[in-house]
Amino acid sequence: MVEIAIVDDERNLADSLKLEISEMGHQVKTFYTAQPFLDYIEISEPDLVILDLQLPDIHGMEVLHSIKLNLKSTLVIIMT
């Protein structure tokens, strides 16, 4: 099973993606702001992150930088 994190403040989009991906058998966690996601990756390492750049608390490029520093093998898909 692949663990996927979705970081997007557009709840309808994030929830729709979670539903579709979960139905494929993957574990999905959604985050509507960046800080809870950054806290999460201190204790877990998702296989894939779907990341929005326009987040209300921290810009997505800063989040991407944190991912690349701390999660060497995690893949990232940026959407905006």
PDB file of N, CA and C in Angstrom:
ATOM      1  N   MET A   1       0.842  -1.177   0.000  1.00  0.00           N
ATOM      2  CA  MET A   1       0.000   0.000   0.000  1.00  0.00           C
ATOM      3  C   MET A   1       0.889   1.243   0.000  1.00  0.00           C
ATOM      4  N   VAL A   2       0.509   2.203  -0.799  1.00  0.00           N
ATOM      5  CA  VAL A   2       1.233   3.463  -0.906  1.00  0.00           C
ATOM      6  C   VAL A   2       0.574   4.484   0.017  1.00  0.00           C
ATOM      7  N   GLU A   3       1.390   5.223   0.754  1.00  0.00           N
ATOM      8  CA  GLU A   3       0.868   6.293   1.602  1.00  0.00           C
ATOM      9  C   GLU A   3       1.012   7.621   0.859  1.00  0.00           C
ATOM     10  N   ILE A   4      -0.096   8.320   0.710  1.00  0.00           N
ATOM     11  CA  ILE A   4      -0.127   9.567  -0.045  1.00  0.00           C
ATOM     12  C   ILE A   4      -0.655  10.679   0.852  1.00  0.00           C
ATOM     13  N   ALA A   5       0.011  11.824   0.817  1.00  0.00           N
ATOM     14  CA  ALA A   5      -0.445  13.009   1.544  1.00  0.00           C
ATOM     15  C   ALA A   5      -0.891  14.053   0.525  1.00  0.00           C
ATOM     16  N   ILE A   6      -2.053  14.617   0.768  1.00  0.00           N
ATOM     17  CA  ILE A   6      -2.572  15.694  -0.067  1.00  0.00           C
ATOM     18  C   ILE A   6      -2.560  16.960   0.776  1.00  0.00           C
ATOM     19  N   VAL A   7      -1.890  17.995   0.276  1.00  0.00           N
ATOM     20  CA  VAL A   7      -1.806  19.277   0.983  1.00  0.00           C
ATOM     21  C   VAL A   7      -2.420  20.330   0.075  1.00  0.00           C
ATOM     22  N   ASP A   8      -3.664  20.687   0.381  1.00  0.00           N
ATOM     23  CA  ASP A   8      -4.387  21.635  -0.459  1.00  0.00           C
ATOM     24  C   ASP A   8      -5.482  22.295   0.364  1.00  0.00           C
ATOM     25  N   ASP A   9      -5.577  23.608   0.285  1.00  0.00           N
ATOM     26  CA  ASP A   9      -6.589  24.327   1.056  1.00  0.00           C
ATOM     27  C   ASP A   9      -7.977  24.290   0.413  1.00  0.00           C
ATOM     28  N   GLU A  10      -8.070  23.829  -0.810  1.00  0.00           N
ATOM     29  CA  GLU A  10      -9.369  23.677  -1.458  1.00  0.00           C
ATOM     30  C   GLU A  10      -9.946  22.331  -1.034  1.00  0.00           C
ATOM     31  N   ARG A  11     -10.783  22.375  -0.018  1.00  0.00           N
ATOM     32  CA  ARG A  11     -11.289  21.156   0.630  1.00  0.00           C
ATOM     33  C   ARG A  11     -12.015  20.226  -0.334  1.00  0.00           C
ATOM     34  N   ASN A  12     -12.831  20.773  -1.211  1.00  0.00           N
ATOM     35  CA  ASN A  12     -13.569  19.917  -2.145  1.00  0.00           C
ATOM     36  C   ASN A  12     -12.618  19.139  -3.040  1.00  0.00           C
ATOM     37  N   LEU A  13     -11.600  19.799  -3.539  1.00  0.00           N
ATOM     38  CA  LEU A  13     -10.625  19.136  -4.394  1.00  0.00           C
ATOM     39  C   LEU A  13      -9.848  18.088  -3.607  1.00  0.00           C
ATOM     40  N   ALA A  14      -9.354  18.461  -2.436  1.00  0.00           N
ATOM     41  CA  ALA A  14      -8.568  17.530  -1.615  1.00  0.00           C
ATOM     42  C   ALA A  14      -9.406  16.312  -1.232  1.00  0.00           C
ATOM     43  N   ASP A  15     -10.640  16.541  -0.836  1.00  0.00           N
ATOM     44  CA  ASP A  15     -11.507  15.432  -0.434  1.00  0.00           C
ATOM     45  C   ASP A  15     -11.859  14.527  -1.616  1.00  0.00           C
ATOM     46  N   SER A  16     -12.069  15.131  -2.785  1.00  0.00           N
ATOM     47  CA  SER A  16     -12.355  14.337  -3.987  1.00  0.00           C
ATOM     48  C   SER A  16     -11.157  13.477  -4.370  1.00  0.00           C
ATOM     49  N   LEU A  17      -9.967  14.064  -4.324  1.00  0.00           N
ATOM     50  CA  LEU A  17      -8.758  13.293  -4.614  1.00  0.00           C
ATOM     51  C   LEU A  17      -8.587  12.159  -3.619  1.00  0.00           C
ATOM     52  N   LYS A  18      -8.825  12.449  -2.336  1.00  0.00           N
ATOM     53  CA  LYS A  18      -8.699  11.417  -1.305  1.00  0.00           C
ATOM     54  C   LYS A  18      -9.639  10.257  -1.590  1.00  0.00           C
ATOM     55  N   LEU A  19     -10.871  10.562  -1.925  1.00  0.00           N
ATOM     56  CA  LEU A  19     -11.855   9.523  -2.211  1.00  0.00           C
ATOM     57  C   LEU A  19     -11.415   8.652  -3.387  1.00  0.00           C
ATOM     58  N   GLU A  20     -11.029   9.284  -4.478  1.00  0.00           N
ATOM     59  CA  GLU A  20     -10.622   8.545  -5.681  1.00  0.00           C
ATOM     60  C   GLU A  20      -9.385   7.680  -5.426  1.00  0.00           C
ATOM     61  N   ILE A  21      -8.397   8.250  -4.752  1.00  0.00           N
ATOM     62  CA  ILE A  21      -7.147   7.517  -4.513  1.00  0.00           C
ATOM     63  C   ILE A  21      -7.368   6.399  -3.498  1.00  0.00           C
ATOM     64  N   SER A  22      -8.180   6.652  -2.487  1.00  0.00           N
ATOM     65  CA  SER A  22      -8.484   5.625  -1.487  1.00  0.00           C
ATOM     66  C   SER A  22      -9.170   4.424  -2.120  1.00  0.00           C
ATOM     67  N   GLU A  23     -10.040   4.685  -3.082  1.00  0.00           N
ATOM     68  CA  GLU A  23     -10.739   3.595  -3.765  1.00  0.00           C
ATOM     69  C   GLU A  23      -9.787   2.718  -4.565  1.00  0.00           C
ATOM     70  N   MET A  24      -8.596   3.224  -4.858  1.00  0.00           N
ATOM     71  CA  MET A  24      -7.575   2.432  -5.542  1.00  0.00           C
ATOM     72  C   MET A  24      -6.764   1.582  -4.558  1.00  0.00           C
ATOM     73  N   GLY A  25      -7.075   1.721  -3.266  1.00  0.00           N
ATOM     74  CA  GLY A  25      -6.408   0.900  -2.264  1.00  0.00           C
ATOM     75  C   GLY A  25      -5.240   1.546  -1.558  1.00  0.00           C
ATOM     76  N   HIS A  26      -5.070   2.839  -1.724  1.00  0.00           N
ATOM     77  CA  HIS A  26      -3.954   3.533  -1.083  1.00  0.00           C
ATOM     78  C   HIS A  26      -4.416   4.232   0.194  1.00  0.00           C
ATOM     79  N   GLN A  27      -3.480   4.420   1.104  1.00  0.00           N
ATOM     80  CA  GLN A  27      -3.753   5.174   2.326  1.00  0.00           C
ATOM     81  C   GLN A  27      -3.527   6.657   2.018  1.00  0.00           C
ATOM     82  N   VAL A  28      -4.516   7.492   2.320  1.00  0.00           N
ATOM     83  CA  VAL A  28      -4.439   8.910   1.994  1.00  0.00           C
ATOM     84  C   VAL A  28      -4.714   9.745   3.238  1.00  0.00           C
ATOM     85  N   LYS A  29      -3.873  10.749   3.449  1.00  0.00           N
ATOM     86  CA  LYS A  29      -4.087  11.726   4.512  1.00  0.00           C
ATOM     87  C   LYS A  29      -4.200  13.094   3.852  1.00  0.00           C
ATOM     88  N   THR A  30      -5.160  13.883   4.308  1.00  0.00           N
ATOM     89  CA  THR A  30      -5.337  15.221   3.752  1.00  0.00           C
ATOM     90  C   THR A  30      -4.989  16.279   4.789  1.00  0.00           C
ATOM     91  N   PHE A  31      -4.412  17.353   4.285  1.00  0.00           N
ATOM     92  CA  PHE A  31      -4.036  18.502   5.100  1.00  0.00           C
ATOM     93  C   PHE A  31      -4.494  19.745   4.353  1.00  0.00           C
ATOM     94  N   TYR A  32      -5.213  20.629   5.040  1.00  0.00           N
ATOM     95  CA  TYR A  32      -5.755  21.818   4.398  1.00  0.00           C
ATOM     96  C   TYR A  32      -4.870  23.039   4.599  1.00  0.00           C
ATOM     97  N   THR A  33      -3.862  22.914   5.434  1.00  0.00           N
ATOM     98  CA  THR A  33      -2.842  23.943   5.623  1.00  0.00           C
ATOM     99  C   THR A  33      -1.495  23.244   5.747  1.00  0.00           C
ATOM    100  N   ALA A  34      -0.437  24.009   5.612  1.00  0.00           N
ATOM    101  CA  ALA A  34       0.901  23.419   5.567  1.00  0.00           C
ATOM    102  C   ALA A  34       1.417  22.959   6.923  1.00  0.00           C
ATOM    103  N   GLN A  35       1.166  23.725   7.972  1.00  0.00           N
ATOM    104  CA  GLN A  35       1.801  23.411   9.260  1.00  0.00           C
ATOM    105  C   GLN A  35       1.445  22.026   9.801  1.00  0.00           C
ATOM    106  N   PRO A  36       0.187  21.617   9.774  1.00  0.00           N
ATOM    107  CA  PRO A  36      -0.100  20.253  10.235  1.00  0.00           C
ATOM    108  C   PRO A  36       0.626  19.187   9.407  1.00  0.00           C
ATOM    109  N   PHE A  37       0.774  19.437   8.111  1.00  0.00           N
ATOM    110  CA  PHE A  37       1.523  18.511   7.268  1.00  0.00           C
ATOM    111  C   PHE A  37       2.987  18.472   7.684  1.00  0.00           C
ATOM    112  N   LEU A  38       3.587  19.638   7.933  1.00  0.00           N
ATOM    113  CA  LEU A  38       4.988  19.678   8.350  1.00  0.00           C
ATOM    114  C   LEU A  38       5.185  18.973   9.692  1.00  0.00           C
ATOM    115  N   ASP A  39       4.221  19.100  10.580  1.00  0.00           N
ATOM    116  CA  ASP A  39       4.276  18.365  11.853  1.00  0.00           C
ATOM    117  C   ASP A  39       4.191  16.857  11.594  1.00  0.00           C
ATOM    118  N   TYR A  40       3.333  16.475  10.687  1.00  0.00           N
ATOM    119  CA  TYR A  40       3.125  15.064  10.350  1.00  0.00           C
ATOM    120  C   TYR A  40       4.400  14.417   9.803  1.00  0.00           C
ATOM    121  N   ILE A  41       5.121  15.122   8.942  1.00  0.00           N
ATOM    122  CA  ILE A  41       6.305  14.494   8.335  1.00  0.00           C
ATOM    123  C   ILE A  41       7.483  14.390   9.297  1.00  0.00           C
ATOM    124  N   GLU A  42       7.331  14.928  10.492  1.00  0.00           N
ATOM    125  CA  GLU A  42       8.350  14.703  11.517  1.00  0.00           C
ATOM    126  C   GLU A  42       8.258  13.281  12.071  1.00  0.00           C
ATOM    127  N   ILE A  43       7.080  12.656  11.948  1.00  0.00           N
ATOM    128  CA  ILE A  43       6.893  11.307  12.487  1.00  0.00           C
ATOM    129  C   ILE A  43       6.556  10.266  11.423  1.00  0.00           C
ATOM    130  N   SER A  44       6.302  10.689  10.200  1.00  0.00           N
ATOM    131  CA  SER A  44       5.922   9.760   9.145  1.00  0.00           C
ATOM    132  C   SER A  44       6.532  10.208   7.822  1.00  0.00           C
ATOM    133  N   GLU A  45       6.681   9.247   6.908  1.00  0.00           N
ATOM    134  CA  GLU A  45       7.248   9.564   5.597  1.00  0.00           C
ATOM    135  C   GLU A  45       6.337   9.018   4.503  1.00  0.00           C
ATOM    136  N   PRO A  46       5.472   9.869   3.958  1.00  0.00           N
ATOM    137  CA  PRO A  46       4.603   9.401   2.877  1.00  0.00           C
ATOM    138  C   PRO A  46       5.428   9.090   1.629  1.00  0.00           C
ATOM    139  N   ASP A  47       4.879   8.216   0.810  1.00  0.00           N
ATOM    140  CA  ASP A  47       5.554   7.851  -0.444  1.00  0.00           C
ATOM    141  C   ASP A  47       5.389   8.934  -1.499  1.00  0.00           C
ATOM    142  N   LEU A  48       4.264   9.638  -1.426  1.00  0.00           N
ATOM    143  CA  LEU A  48       3.940  10.659  -2.420  1.00  0.00           C
ATOM    144  C   LEU A  48       3.217  11.806  -1.725  1.00  0.00           C
ATOM    145  N   VAL A  49       3.538  13.024  -2.136  1.00  0.00           N
ATOM    146  CA  VAL A  49       2.839  14.214  -1.655  1.00  0.00           C
ATOM    147  C   VAL A  49       2.266  14.942  -2.865  1.00  0.00           C
ATOM    148  N   ILE A  50       0.983  15.233  -2.811  1.00  0.00           N
ATOM    149  CA  ILE A  50       0.345  16.083  -3.808  1.00  0.00           C
ATOM    150  C   ILE A  50       0.213  17.443  -3.138  1.00  0.00           C
ATOM    151  N   LEU A  51       0.921  18.423  -3.657  1.00  0.00           N
ATOM    152  CA  LEU A  51       1.121  19.699  -2.965  1.00  0.00           C
ATOM    153  C   LEU A  51       0.618  20.880  -3.783  1.00  0.00           C
ATOM    154  N   ASP A  52      -0.230  21.669  -3.158  1.00  0.00           N
ATOM    155  CA  ASP A  52      -0.681  22.934  -3.741  1.00  0.00           C
ATOM    156  C   ASP A  52       0.350  24.005  -3.381  1.00  0.00           C
ATOM    157  N   LEU A  53       0.600  24.930  -4.270  1.00  0.00           N
ATOM    158  CA  LEU A  53       1.556  26.003  -3.977  1.00  0.00           C
ATOM    159  C   LEU A  53       0.924  27.141  -3.188  1.00  0.00           C
ATOM    160  N   GLN A  54      -0.347  27.397  -3.432  1.00  0.00           N
ATOM    161  CA  GLN A  54      -1.031  28.518  -2.786  1.00  0.00           C
ATOM    162  C   GLN A  54      -1.746  28.035  -1.529  1.00  0.00           C
ATOM    163  N   LEU A  55      -1.041  28.030  -0.423  1.00  0.00           N
ATOM    164  CA  LEU A  55      -1.604  27.618   0.855  1.00  0.00           C
ATOM    165  C   LEU A  55      -1.770  28.843   1.742  1.00  0.00           C
ATOM    166  N   PRO A  56      -2.719  28.832   2.665  1.00  0.00           N
ATOM    167  CA  PRO A  56      -2.994  30.039   3.452  1.00  0.00           C
ATOM    168  C   PRO A  56      -1.934  30.385   4.493  1.00  0.00           C
ATOM    169  N   ASP A  57      -1.161  29.406   4.949  1.00  0.00           N
ATOM    170  CA  ASP A  57      -0.219  29.692   6.033  1.00  0.00           C
ATOM    171  C   ASP A  57       1.244  29.734   5.601  1.00  0.00           C
ATOM    172  N   ILE A  58       1.664  28.837   4.744  1.00  0.00           N
ATOM    173  CA  ILE A  58       3.060  28.776   4.288  1.00  0.00           C
ATOM    174  C   ILE A  58       3.036  28.505   2.791  1.00  0.00           C
ATOM    175  N   HIS A  59       3.847  29.209   2.041  1.00  0.00           N
ATOM    176  CA  HIS A  59       3.870  28.997   0.588  1.00  0.00           C
ATOM    177  C   HIS A  59       4.350  27.582   0.274  1.00  0.00           C
ATOM    178  N   GLY A  60       3.757  26.995  -0.743  1.00  0.00           N
ATOM    179  CA  GLY A  60       4.078  25.631  -1.136  1.00  0.00           C
ATOM    180  C   GLY A  60       5.540  25.399  -1.474  1.00  0.00           C
ATOM    181  N   MET A  61       6.238  26.408  -1.983  1.00  0.00           N
ATOM    182  CA  MET A  61       7.661  26.231  -2.296  1.00  0.00           C
ATOM    183  C   MET A  61       8.478  26.028  -1.017  1.00  0.00           C
ATOM    184  N   GLU A  62       8.082  26.671   0.061  1.00  0.00           N
ATOM    185  CA  GLU A  62       8.758  26.446   1.343  1.00  0.00           C
ATOM    186  C   GLU A  62       8.476  25.031   1.847  1.00  0.00           C
ATOM    187  N   VAL A  63       7.256  24.582   1.658  1.00  0.00           N
ATOM    188  CA  VAL A  63       6.901  23.213   2.045  1.00  0.00           C
ATOM    189  C   VAL A  63       7.707  22.220   1.211  1.00  0.00           C
ATOM    190  N   LEU A  64       7.805  22.475  -0.081  1.00  0.00           N
ATOM    191  CA  LEU A  64       8.601  21.611  -0.960  1.00  0.00           C
ATOM    192  C   LEU A  64      10.047  21.553  -0.488  1.00  0.00           C
ATOM    193  N   HIS A  65      10.598  22.676  -0.112  1.00  0.00           N
ATOM    194  CA  HIS A  65      11.972  22.713   0.392  1.00  0.00           C
ATOM    195  C   HIS A  65      12.111  21.816   1.633  1.00  0.00           C
ATOM    196  N   SER A  66      11.161  21.891   2.543  1.00  0.00           N
ATOM    197  CA  SER A  66      11.195  21.043   3.743  1.00  0.00           C
ATOM    198  C   SER A  66      11.091  19.565   3.382  1.00  0.00           C
ATOM    199  N   ILE A  67      10.240  19.249   2.422  1.00  0.00           N
ATOM    200  CA  ILE A  67      10.103  17.857   1.985  1.00  0.00           C
ATOM    201  C   ILE A  67      11.429  17.351   1.443  1.00  0.00           C
ATOM    202  N   LYS A  68      12.047  18.130   0.570  1.00  0.00           N
ATOM    203  CA  LYS A  68      13.288  17.692  -0.060  1.00  0.00           C
ATOM    204  C   LYS A  68      14.445  17.577   0.931  1.00  0.00           C
ATOM    205  N   LEU A  69      14.430  18.387   1.977  1.00  0.00           N
ATOM    206  CA  LEU A  69      15.471  18.285   3.003  1.00  0.00           C
ATOM    207  C   LEU A  69      15.274  17.073   3.900  1.00  0.00           C
ATOM    208  N   ASN A  70      14.033  16.735   4.200  1.00  0.00           N
ATOM    209  CA  ASN A  70      13.754  15.730   5.219  1.00  0.00           C
ATOM    210  C   ASN A  70      13.265  14.386   4.691  1.00  0.00           C
ATOM    211  N   LEU A  71      12.717  14.364   3.515  1.00  0.00           N
ATOM    212  CA  LEU A  71      12.149  13.132   2.968  1.00  0.00           C
ATOM    213  C   LEU A  71      12.799  12.829   1.626  1.00  0.00           C
ATOM    214  N   LYS A  72      13.945  12.232   1.670  1.00  0.00           N
ATOM    215  CA  LYS A  72      14.749  12.044   0.452  1.00  0.00           C
ATOM    216  C   LYS A  72      14.063  11.197  -0.618  1.00  0.00           C
ATOM    217  N   SER A  73      13.270  10.212  -0.218  1.00  0.00           N
ATOM    218  CA  SER A  73      12.694   9.314  -1.216  1.00  0.00           C
ATOM    219  C   SER A  73      11.233   9.617  -1.548  1.00  0.00           C
ATOM    220  N   THR A  74      10.668  10.661  -0.961  1.00  0.00           N
ATOM    221  CA  THR A  74       9.272  11.006  -1.222  1.00  0.00           C
ATOM    222  C   THR A  74       9.135  11.742  -2.544  1.00  0.00           C
ATOM    223  N   LEU A  75       8.205  11.288  -3.357  1.00  0.00           N
ATOM    224  CA  LEU A  75       7.901  11.963  -4.620  1.00  0.00           C
ATOM    225  C   LEU A  75       6.898  13.074  -4.352  1.00  0.00           C
ATOM    226  N   VAL A  76       6.972  14.137  -5.150  1.00  0.00           N
ATOM    227  CA  VAL A  76       6.071  15.273  -4.980  1.00  0.00           C
ATOM    228  C   VAL A  76       5.449  15.640  -6.322  1.00  0.00           C
ATOM    229  N   ILE A  77       4.147  15.815  -6.304  1.00  0.00           N
ATOM    230  CA  ILE A  77       3.426  16.365  -7.452  1.00  0.00           C
ATOM    231  C   ILE A  77       2.927  17.733  -7.008  1.00  0.00           C
ATOM    232  N   ILE A  78       3.308  18.760  -7.750  1.00  0.00           N
ATOM    233  CA  ILE A  78       2.865  20.118  -7.436  1.00  0.00           C
ATOM    234  C   ILE A  78       1.677  20.452  -8.321  1.00  0.00           C
ATOM    235  N   MET A  79       0.639  20.990  -7.690  1.00  0.00           N
ATOM    236  CA  MET A  79      -0.508  21.454  -8.460  1.00  0.00           C
ATOM    237  C   MET A  79      -0.912  22.817  -7.942  1.00  0.00           C
ATOM    238  N   THR A  80      -1.419  23.606  -8.816  1.00  0.00           N
ATOM    239  CA  THR A  80      -1.820  24.954  -8.428  1.00  0.00           C
ATOM    240  C   THR A  80      -2.944  25.438  -9.306  1.00  0.00           C
TER     241      THR A  80
END
